[in-house]
């Protein structure tokens, strides 16, 4: 019996997403005030945050998660997401760590 590669890919993606949720322990890594340089950067705040995908780090371990983009500067973005314990978290990440890709809520 053969298996559908599309089905296998779907199962693999769900498995990786579940592992990411379990590994979201503690506070996420965020950019430092020195890296952000908000005294010299213009920050745009979005009254209706947009959905995106972003790379977030927990204790140096990178994972890709569904996020909302709350604000951004020329080089960084402030994002929000819900971790595995259903706790809202926020962090500043580099702009190129954010992918403007909408996602569907489960």
Protein backbone atom coordinates (compact mmCIF):
# COMPACT_ATOMS: atom_id res chain seq x y z
CA UNK A 1 0.00 0.00 0.00
CA UNK A 2 1.31 3.43 -0.85
CA UNK A 3 0.86 6.64 1.08
CA UNK A 4 0.06 10.06 -0.27
CA UNK A 5 3.08 12.34 -0.07
CA UNK A 6 0.72 15.31 0.35
CA UNK A 7 -0.86 13.60 3.39
CA UNK A 8 2.58 12.77 4.81
CA UNK A 9 3.67 16.41 4.42
CA UNK A 10 0.52 17.55 6.22
CA UNK A 11 1.10 15.15 9.11
CA UNK A 12 4.74 16.23 9.35
CA UNK A 13 3.78 19.93 9.48
CA UNK A 14 1.22 19.30 12.24
CA UNK A 15 3.78 17.28 14.19
CA UNK A 16 6.37 20.07 13.92
CA UNK A 17 3.78 22.65 14.98
CA UNK A 18 2.92 20.55 18.06
CA UNK A 19 6.62 20.24 18.94
CA UNK A 20 7.01 24.01 18.60
CA UNK A 21 4.14 24.61 21.02
CA UNK A 22 5.70 22.25 23.58
CA UNK A 23 9.11 23.94 23.25
CA UNK A 24 7.78 27.46 23.86
CA UNK A 25 8.88 27.43 27.49
CA UNK A 26 9.66 30.59 29.41
CA UNK A 27 10.12 33.99 27.85
CA UNK A 28 11.01 34.36 24.18
CA UNK A 29 14.26 35.99 23.12
CA UNK A 30 13.73 39.59 22.00
CA UNK A 31 15.93 42.28 20.51
CA UNK A 32 17.77 44.48 22.99
CA UNK A 33 17.18 48.24 23.31
CA UNK A 34 20.62 48.75 21.74
CA UNK A 35 19.62 46.64 18.71
CA UNK A 36 16.24 48.37 18.40
CA UNK A 37 17.62 51.92 18.71
CA UNK A 38 14.05 53.22 19.09
CA UNK A 39 15.30 56.71 20.00
CA UNK A 40 16.51 57.06 16.40
CA UNK A 41 14.02 54.83 14.56
CA UNK A 42 10.50 55.70 13.45
CA UNK A 43 8.05 53.06 14.72
CA UNK A 44 4.73 52.42 12.99
CA UNK A 45 1.93 50.90 15.09
CA UNK A 46 -0.82 48.97 13.32
CA UNK A 47 -4.31 49.50 14.81
CA UNK A 48 -5.40 46.25 13.10
CA UNK A 49 -2.42 43.88 13.46
CA UNK A 50 -1.80 41.70 10.40
CA UNK A 51 -1.24 37.95 10.41
CA UNK A 52 2.22 36.72 9.46
CA UNK A 53 4.70 33.91 10.09
CA UNK A 54 7.86 34.68 12.03
CA UNK A 55 10.95 33.04 13.43
CA UNK A 56 10.97 33.28 17.21
CA UNK A 57 13.66 32.02 19.58
CA UNK A 58 13.30 30.42 23.00
CA UNK A 59 16.66 30.02 24.74
CA UNK A 60 18.33 30.23 21.35
CA UNK A 61 16.12 27.55 19.74
CA UNK A 62 14.44 28.95 16.63
CA UNK A 63 10.89 28.05 15.67
CA UNK A 64 8.48 29.40 13.07
CA UNK A 65 5.13 30.49 14.50
CA UNK A 66 1.90 32.20 13.49
CA UNK A 67 2.01 35.77 14.75
CA UNK A 68 0.34 39.16 14.58
CA UNK A 69 2.55 42.11 13.60
CA UNK A 70 1.83 44.92 16.08
CA UNK A 71 4.47 47.47 15.08
CA UNK A 72 7.58 47.82 12.99
CA UNK A 73 10.57 50.00 12.35
CA UNK A 74 12.95 49.99 9.41
CA UNK A 75 14.82 46.96 10.78
CA UNK A 76 12.59 45.27 13.37
CA UNK A 77 9.03 44.12 13.99
CA UNK A 78 7.08 43.73 17.23
CA UNK A 79 5.03 40.54 17.11
CA UNK A 80 2.49 38.73 19.29
CA UNK A 81 1.50 35.06 19.40
CA UNK A 82 0.05 32.45 21.74
CA UNK A 83 2.38 29.79 23.15
CA UNK A 84 1.61 26.15 23.97
CA UNK A 85 0.15 27.11 27.38
CA UNK A 86 -2.24 29.53 25.64
CA UNK A 87 -0.31 32.51 27.05
CA UNK A 88 0.06 35.60 24.89
CA UNK A 89 3.67 36.52 24.24
CA UNK A 90 5.38 39.40 22.47
CA UNK A 91 8.86 40.10 21.20
CA UNK A 92 10.81 42.31 18.87
CA UNK A 93 12.49 40.39 16.03
CA UNK A 94 14.49 41.43 12.99
CA UNK A 95 12.31 42.50 10.07
CA UNK A 96 13.64 39.72 7.83
CA UNK A 97 12.52 37.11 10.40
CA UNK A 98 8.90 37.97 9.52
CA UNK A 99 7.17 36.54 6.46
CA UNK A 100 4.07 38.35 5.26
CA UNK A 101 1.99 35.19 4.98
CA UNK A 102 -1.56 35.01 6.29
CA UNK A 103 -2.57 31.91 8.21
CA UNK A 104 -5.90 30.38 9.19
CA UNK A 105 -6.88 30.16 12.85
CA UNK A 106 -7.33 26.56 14.03
